[in-house]
């Protein structure tokens, strides 16, 4: 971040020792370290937010580009149609034909059986 060499750092330390004094210098260094840590966390959070926003924008652009390409879907559908066999008529299957009801379930009156209700009344 900053291009500070050994001699620049030593000069800053000597000036701080003269200005602050030897008894308050450790407390100042600790406070400065806390602030530097907070700044680093803040910068990393801002970088992560920016990266997330850029990724979101890239995703939006990719989706928009995909939506502009309907011919891709046409190609996929044509390929699917070429792969599937043509369906002219379905083959006769026993499950497709309606089941025949047995003759015993049919309730058609027959002429040779007498009507019970008529016999009881008459």
N, C-alpha and C. Protein backbone atom coordinates (compact mmCIF):
# COMPACT_ATOMS: atom_id res chain seq x y z
N UNK A 1 0.83 -1.18 0.00
CA UNK A 1 0.00 0.00 0.00
C UNK A 1 0.88 1.25 0.00
N UNK A 2 1.60 1.47 1.07
CA UNK A 2 2.55 2.56 1.11
C UNK A 2 3.93 1.97 0.92
N UNK A 3 4.76 2.68 0.20
CA UNK A 3 6.12 2.21 -0.02
C UNK A 3 7.02 2.84 1.04
N UNK A 4 6.97 2.24 2.23
CA UNK A 4 7.77 2.76 3.35
C UNK A 4 8.88 1.77 3.63
N UNK A 5 10.10 2.23 3.56
CA UNK A 5 11.26 1.38 3.84
C UNK A 5 11.62 1.44 5.33
N UNK A 6 12.72 0.78 5.64
CA UNK A 6 13.16 0.71 7.03
C UNK A 6 13.53 2.08 7.58
N UNK A 7 14.24 2.89 6.81
CA UNK A 7 14.72 4.18 7.32
C UNK A 7 13.55 5.16 7.49
N UNK A 8 12.58 5.11 6.63
CA UNK A 8 11.41 5.98 6.80
C UNK A 8 10.64 5.61 8.06
N UNK A 9 10.49 4.30 8.30
CA UNK A 9 9.79 3.82 9.49
C UNK A 9 10.55 4.19 10.76
N UNK A 10 11.87 4.10 10.72
CA UNK A 10 12.70 4.47 11.88
C UNK A 10 12.57 5.97 12.15
N UNK A 11 12.53 6.79 11.12
CA UNK A 11 12.38 8.23 11.29
C UNK A 11 11.02 8.56 11.90
N UNK A 12 9.97 7.91 11.44
CA UNK A 12 8.62 8.13 11.99
C UNK A 12 8.58 7.72 13.47
N UNK A 13 9.24 6.61 13.82
CA UNK A 13 9.29 6.14 15.21
C UNK A 13 10.04 7.13 16.10
N UNK A 14 11.14 7.68 15.64
CA UNK A 14 11.91 8.66 16.43
C UNK A 14 11.11 9.93 16.63
N UNK A 15 10.42 10.42 15.61
CA UNK A 15 9.60 11.63 15.74
C UNK A 15 8.44 11.38 16.70
N UNK A 16 7.81 10.20 16.61
CA UNK A 16 6.71 9.88 17.52
C UNK A 16 7.21 9.78 18.95
N UNK A 17 8.41 9.22 19.15
CA UNK A 17 8.98 9.12 20.50
C UNK A 17 9.25 10.49 21.08
N UNK A 18 9.73 11.43 20.24
CA UNK A 18 10.00 12.78 20.72
C UNK A 18 8.72 13.56 20.99
N UNK A 19 7.69 13.39 20.14
CA UNK A 19 6.46 14.16 20.29
C UNK A 19 5.59 13.60 21.41
N UNK A 20 5.41 12.30 21.46
CA UNK A 20 4.48 11.68 22.41
C UNK A 20 5.16 11.40 23.74
N UNK A 21 6.34 10.93 23.69
CA UNK A 21 7.05 10.58 24.92
C UNK A 21 7.11 9.08 25.09
N UNK A 22 8.09 8.61 25.87
CA UNK A 22 8.28 7.17 26.02
C UNK A 22 7.17 6.48 26.83
N UNK A 23 6.49 7.20 27.74
CA UNK A 23 5.48 6.52 28.56
C UNK A 23 4.15 6.33 27.81
N UNK A 24 3.83 7.20 26.85
CA UNK A 24 2.57 7.07 26.11
C UNK A 24 2.74 6.41 24.74
N UNK A 25 3.95 6.13 24.33
CA UNK A 25 4.20 5.53 23.01
C UNK A 25 3.60 4.12 22.87
N UNK A 26 3.72 3.21 23.86
CA UNK A 26 3.10 1.87 23.70
C UNK A 26 1.57 1.94 23.55
N UNK A 27 0.93 2.83 24.32
CA UNK A 27 -0.52 2.97 24.21
C UNK A 27 -0.90 3.53 22.84
N UNK A 28 -0.11 4.46 22.32
CA UNK A 28 -0.35 5.02 21.00
C UNK A 28 -0.17 3.95 19.91
N UNK A 29 0.85 3.12 20.07
CA UNK A 29 1.09 2.05 19.08
C UNK A 29 -0.07 1.05 19.09
N UNK A 30 -0.57 0.71 20.31
CA UNK A 30 -1.69 -0.22 20.40
C UNK A 30 -2.94 0.37 19.75
N UNK A 31 -3.22 1.64 20.01
CA UNK A 31 -4.37 2.32 19.42
C UNK A 31 -4.22 2.41 17.91
N UNK A 32 -3.02 2.74 17.46
CA UNK A 32 -2.77 2.81 16.02
C UNK A 32 -2.97 1.43 15.37
N UNK A 33 -2.53 0.37 16.04
CA UNK A 33 -2.74 -0.99 15.51
C UNK A 33 -4.22 -1.34 15.41
N UNK A 34 -5.01 -0.94 16.42
CA UNK A 34 -6.45 -1.19 16.37
C UNK A 34 -7.10 -0.46 15.20
N UNK A 35 -6.69 0.78 15.01
CA UNK A 35 -7.26 1.56 13.91
C UNK A 35 -6.86 0.99 12.55
N UNK A 36 -5.63 0.55 12.44
CA UNK A 36 -5.17 -0.05 11.17
C UNK A 36 -5.96 -1.34 10.91
N UNK A 37 -6.20 -2.15 11.95
CA UNK A 37 -7.00 -3.36 11.78
C UNK A 37 -8.42 -3.06 11.34
N UNK A 38 -9.01 -2.02 11.96
CA UNK A 38 -10.37 -1.62 11.56
C UNK A 38 -10.40 -1.14 10.11
N UNK A 39 -9.41 -0.39 9.72
CA UNK A 39 -9.36 0.10 8.35
C UNK A 39 -9.21 -1.06 7.36
N UNK A 40 -8.38 -2.04 7.71
CA UNK A 40 -8.20 -3.19 6.82
C UNK A 40 -9.51 -3.97 6.69
N UNK A 41 -10.21 -4.18 7.80
CA UNK A 41 -11.50 -4.88 7.74
C UNK A 41 -12.51 -4.09 6.91
N UNK A 42 -12.52 -2.76 7.09
CA UNK A 42 -13.43 -1.92 6.32
C UNK A 42 -13.12 -2.02 4.83
N UNK A 43 -11.85 -1.94 4.48
CA UNK A 43 -11.45 -2.01 3.06
C UNK A 43 -11.80 -3.38 2.48
N UNK A 44 -11.57 -4.45 3.25
CA UNK A 44 -11.89 -5.78 2.73
C UNK A 44 -13.40 -5.95 2.57
N UNK A 45 -14.19 -5.35 3.46
CA UNK A 45 -15.65 -5.41 3.33
C UNK A 45 -16.11 -4.66 2.09
N UNK A 46 -15.54 -3.49 1.86
CA UNK A 46 -15.90 -2.71 0.68
C UNK A 46 -15.49 -3.46 -0.59
N UNK A 47 -14.33 -4.08 -0.59
CA UNK A 47 -13.90 -4.85 -1.76
C UNK A 47 -14.85 -6.01 -2.02
N UNK A 48 -15.27 -6.70 -0.95
CA UNK A 48 -16.19 -7.83 -1.12
C UNK A 48 -17.53 -7.34 -1.67
N UNK A 49 -18.01 -6.19 -1.19
CA UNK A 49 -19.27 -5.64 -1.71
C UNK A 49 -19.15 -5.29 -3.19
N UNK A 50 -18.05 -4.67 -3.55
CA UNK A 50 -17.84 -4.30 -4.95
C UNK A 50 -17.75 -5.55 -5.82
N UNK A 51 -17.03 -6.56 -5.36
CA UNK A 51 -16.94 -7.81 -6.13
C UNK A 51 -18.30 -8.46 -6.29
N UNK A 52 -19.11 -8.42 -5.24
CA UNK A 52 -20.45 -8.99 -5.32
C UNK A 52 -21.30 -8.23 -6.33
N UNK A 53 -21.22 -6.92 -6.31
CA UNK A 53 -21.98 -6.11 -7.27
C UNK A 53 -21.53 -6.36 -8.70
N UNK A 54 -20.22 -6.48 -8.90
CA UNK A 54 -19.71 -6.76 -10.24
C UNK A 54 -20.17 -8.13 -10.73
N UNK A 55 -20.17 -9.10 -9.83
CA UNK A 55 -20.64 -10.44 -10.21
C UNK A 55 -22.12 -10.40 -10.56
N UNK A 56 -22.89 -9.61 -9.82
CA UNK A 56 -24.31 -9.49 -10.11
C UNK A 56 -24.54 -8.84 -11.46
N UNK A 57 -23.78 -7.81 -11.76
CA UNK A 57 -23.90 -7.15 -13.06
C UNK A 57 -23.52 -8.09 -14.19
N UNK A 58 -22.46 -8.86 -14.00
CA UNK A 58 -22.05 -9.81 -15.03
C UNK A 58 -23.12 -10.87 -15.25
N UNK A 59 -23.75 -11.31 -14.17
CA UNK A 59 -24.83 -12.29 -14.29
C UNK A 59 -26.02 -11.70 -15.02
N UNK A 60 -26.36 -10.45 -14.73
CA UNK A 60 -27.47 -9.79 -15.43
C UNK A 60 -27.16 -9.67 -16.92
N UNK A 61 -25.94 -9.31 -17.25
CA UNK A 61 -25.56 -9.19 -18.66
C UNK A 61 -25.63 -10.54 -19.36
N UNK A 62 -25.18 -11.60 -18.67
CA UNK A 62 -25.23 -12.93 -19.27
C UNK A 62 -26.67 -13.37 -19.50
N UNK A 63 -27.55 -13.10 -18.54
CA UNK A 63 -28.96 -13.46 -18.70
C UNK A 63 -29.62 -12.67 -19.82
N UNK A 64 -29.27 -11.39 -19.92
CA UNK A 64 -29.83 -10.57 -21.00
C UNK A 64 -29.34 -11.07 -22.36
N UNK A 65 -28.09 -11.44 -22.44
CA UNK A 65 -27.54 -11.96 -23.69
C UNK A 65 -28.21 -13.28 -24.06
N UNK A 66 -28.47 -14.11 -23.06
CA UNK A 66 -29.13 -15.39 -23.31
C UNK A 66 -30.57 -15.16 -23.75
N UNK A 67 -31.23 -14.18 -23.20
CA UNK A 67 -32.62 -13.89 -23.57
C UNK A 67 -32.70 -13.35 -25.00
N UNK A 68 -31.65 -12.72 -25.47
CA UNK A 68 -31.62 -12.18 -26.83
C UNK A 68 -31.37 -13.25 -27.88
N UNK A 69 -31.06 -14.45 -27.46
CA UNK A 69 -30.72 -15.50 -28.41
C UNK A 69 -31.81 -16.57 -28.45
N UNK A 70 -33.00 -16.25 -28.99
CA UNK A 70 -34.05 -17.28 -29.06
C UNK A 70 -33.74 -18.36 -30.08
N UNK A 71 -32.85 -18.07 -31.02
CA UNK A 71 -32.51 -19.08 -32.00
C UNK A 71 -31.83 -20.28 -31.35
N UNK A 72 -31.22 -20.08 -30.21
CA UNK A 72 -30.63 -21.19 -29.48
C UNK A 72 -31.71 -22.18 -29.06
N UNK A 73 -32.84 -21.65 -28.59
CA UNK A 73 -33.94 -22.52 -28.21
C UNK A 73 -34.52 -23.23 -29.43
N UNK A 74 -34.56 -22.55 -30.56
CA UNK A 74 -35.05 -23.18 -31.79
C UNK A 74 -34.14 -24.34 -32.19
N UNK A 75 -32.85 -24.16 -32.08
CA UNK A 75 -31.90 -25.21 -32.42
C UNK A 75 -32.10 -26.41 -31.48
N UNK A 76 -32.31 -26.13 -30.21
CA UNK A 76 -32.52 -27.21 -29.24
C UNK A 76 -33.79 -27.98 -29.57
N UNK A 77 -34.86 -27.27 -29.90
CA UNK A 77 -36.12 -27.93 -30.24
C UNK A 77 -35.99 -28.75 -31.52
N UNK A 78 -35.29 -28.22 -32.52
CA UNK A 78 -35.09 -28.97 -33.76
C UNK A 78 -34.29 -30.24 -33.51
N UNK A 79 -33.30 -30.14 -32.65
CA UNK A 79 -32.50 -31.30 -32.32
C UNK A 79 -33.33 -32.34 -31.59
N UNK A 80 -34.17 -31.89 -30.67
CA UNK A 80 -35.04 -32.83 -29.97
C UNK A 80 -36.00 -33.52 -30.93
N UNK A 81 -36.54 -32.76 -31.87
CA UNK A 81 -37.45 -33.35 -32.85
C UNK A 81 -36.73 -34.34 -33.76
N UNK A 82 -35.48 -34.06 -34.08
CA UNK A 82 -34.72 -34.98 -34.93
C UNK A 82 -34.38 -36.26 -34.19
N UNK A 83 -34.19 -36.17 -32.91
CA UNK A 83 -33.83 -37.35 -32.12
C UNK A 83 -35.04 -38.23 -31.89
N UNK A 84 -36.18 -37.63 -31.58
CA UNK A 84 -37.39 -38.40 -31.30
C UNK A 84 -37.93 -39.00 -32.60
N UNK A 85 -38.47 -40.24 -32.53
CA UNK A 85 -39.07 -40.83 -33.73
C UNK A 85 -40.39 -40.14 -34.03
N UNK A 86 -40.75 -40.03 -35.31
CA UNK A 86 -42.01 -39.38 -35.65
C UNK A 86 -43.18 -40.20 -35.15
N UNK A 87 -44.20 -39.52 -34.69
CA UNK A 87 -45.38 -40.18 -34.14
C UNK A 87 -46.51 -40.04 -35.14
N UNK A 88 -46.79 -41.12 -35.94
CA UNK A 88 -47.90 -41.10 -36.90
C UNK A 88 -49.19 -41.53 -36.21
N UNK A 89 -49.22 -42.80 -35.80
CA UNK A 89 -50.38 -43.34 -35.10
C UNK A 89 -49.85 -44.20 -33.97
N UNK A 90 -50.48 -44.10 -32.83
CA UNK A 90 -50.02 -44.97 -31.75
C UNK A 90 -50.41 -46.41 -32.04
N UNK A 91 -49.59 -47.32 -31.66
CA UNK A 91 -49.86 -48.75 -31.86
C UNK A 91 -51.02 -49.15 -30.98
N UNK A 92 -51.91 -50.02 -31.50
CA UNK A 92 -53.04 -50.45 -30.67
C UNK A 92 -52.53 -51.18 -29.45
N UNK A 93 -53.04 -50.75 -28.33
CA UNK A 93 -52.61 -51.31 -27.06
C UNK A 93 -53.85 -51.71 -26.30
N UNK A 94 -53.78 -52.75 -25.53
CA UNK A 94 -54.95 -53.23 -24.79
C UNK A 94 -55.37 -52.22 -23.74
N UNK A 95 -54.47 -51.38 -23.28
CA UNK A 95 -54.84 -50.40 -22.26
C UNK A 95 -55.58 -49.22 -22.88
N UNK A 96 -55.44 -49.01 -24.22
CA UNK A 96 -56.11 -47.89 -24.87
C UNK A 96 -57.57 -48.21 -25.21
N UNK A 97 -57.92 -49.48 -25.43
CA UNK A 97 -59.28 -49.83 -25.81
C UNK A 97 -60.14 -49.95 -24.57
N UNK A 98 -61.41 -49.54 -24.65
CA UNK A 98 -62.27 -49.64 -23.47
C UNK A 98 -62.57 -51.10 -23.16
N UNK A 99 -62.67 -51.39 -21.89
CA UNK A 99 -62.90 -52.76 -21.46
C UNK A 99 -64.36 -53.14 -21.72
N UNK A 100 -64.57 -54.38 -22.16
CA UNK A 100 -65.92 -54.89 -22.39
C UNK A 100 -66.53 -55.29 -21.06
N UNK A 101 -67.76 -54.83 -20.85
CA UNK A 101 -68.44 -55.22 -19.62
C UNK A 101 -68.98 -56.61 -19.78
N UNK A 102 -68.91 -57.40 -18.75
CA UNK A 102 -69.47 -58.75 -18.85
C UNK A 102 -70.98 -58.69 -19.03
N UNK A 103 -71.54 -59.71 -19.65
CA UNK A 103 -72.98 -59.76 -19.94
C UNK A 103 -73.80 -59.83 -18.68
N UNK A 104 -73.24 -60.34 -17.59
CA UNK A 104 -74.01 -60.47 -16.35
C UNK A 104 -74.24 -59.11 -15.70
N UNK A 105 -73.43 -58.12 -15.99
CA UNK A 105 -73.59 -56.81 -15.40
C UNK A 105 -74.58 -55.96 -16.16
N UNK A 106 -74.85 -56.31 -17.39
CA UNK A 106 -75.81 -55.53 -18.18
C UNK A 106 -77.21 -55.78 -17.65
N UNK A 107 -78.03 -54.75 -17.55
CA UNK A 107 -79.38 -54.88 -17.00
C UNK A 107 -80.41 -54.58 -18.07
N UNK A 108 -80.44 -55.42 -19.06
CA UNK A 108 -81.45 -55.28 -20.10
C UNK A 108 -82.59 -56.23 -19.79
N UNK A 109 -83.82 -55.77 -19.79
CA UNK A 109 -84.94 -56.67 -19.49
C UNK A 109 -85.13 -57.65 -20.64
N UNK A 110 -85.33 -58.86 -20.29
CA UNK A 110 -85.60 -59.86 -21.32
C UNK A 110 -87.10 -60.15 -21.34
N UNK A 111 -87.59 -60.51 -22.49
CA UNK A 111 -89.02 -60.70 -22.66
C UNK A 111 -89.52 -62.01 -22.06
N UNK A 112 -88.63 -63.02 -21.84
CA UNK A 112 -89.09 -64.30 -21.33
C UNK A 112 -89.18 -64.36 -19.82
N UNK A 113 -88.64 -63.35 -19.08
CA UNK A 113 -88.72 -63.34 -17.63
C UNK A 113 -89.95 -62.55 -17.20
N UNK A 114 -90.75 -63.09 -16.30
CA UNK A 114 -91.92 -62.34 -15.84
C UNK A 114 -91.51 -61.25 -14.86
N UNK A 115 -92.27 -60.20 -14.81
CA UNK A 115 -92.03 -59.09 -13.92
C UNK A 115 -92.56 -59.43 -12.54
N UNK A 116 -91.71 -59.39 -11.51
CA UNK A 116 -92.11 -59.76 -10.17
C UNK A 116 -93.11 -58.79 -9.58
N UNK A 117 -92.95 -57.51 -9.83
CA UNK A 117 -93.88 -56.51 -9.28
C UNK A 117 -95.27 -56.72 -9.87
N UNK A 118 -95.35 -57.09 -11.13
CA UNK A 118 -96.64 -57.32 -11.77
C UNK A 118 -97.30 -58.58 -11.24
N UNK A 119 -96.50 -59.64 -10.93
CA UNK A 119 -97.05 -60.88 -10.40
C UNK A 119 -97.58 -60.71 -9.00
N UNK A 120 -96.93 -59.88 -8.18
CA UNK A 120 -97.36 -59.72 -6.79
C UNK A 120 -98.67 -58.95 -6.73
N UNK A 121 -98.92 -58.05 -7.64
CA UNK A 121 -100.12 -57.22 -7.62
C UNK A 121 -101.25 -57.90 -8.38
N UNK A 122 -100.98 -58.76 -9.19
CA UNK A 122 -102.02 -59.14 -10.07
C UNK A 122 -102.40 -60.50 -10.20
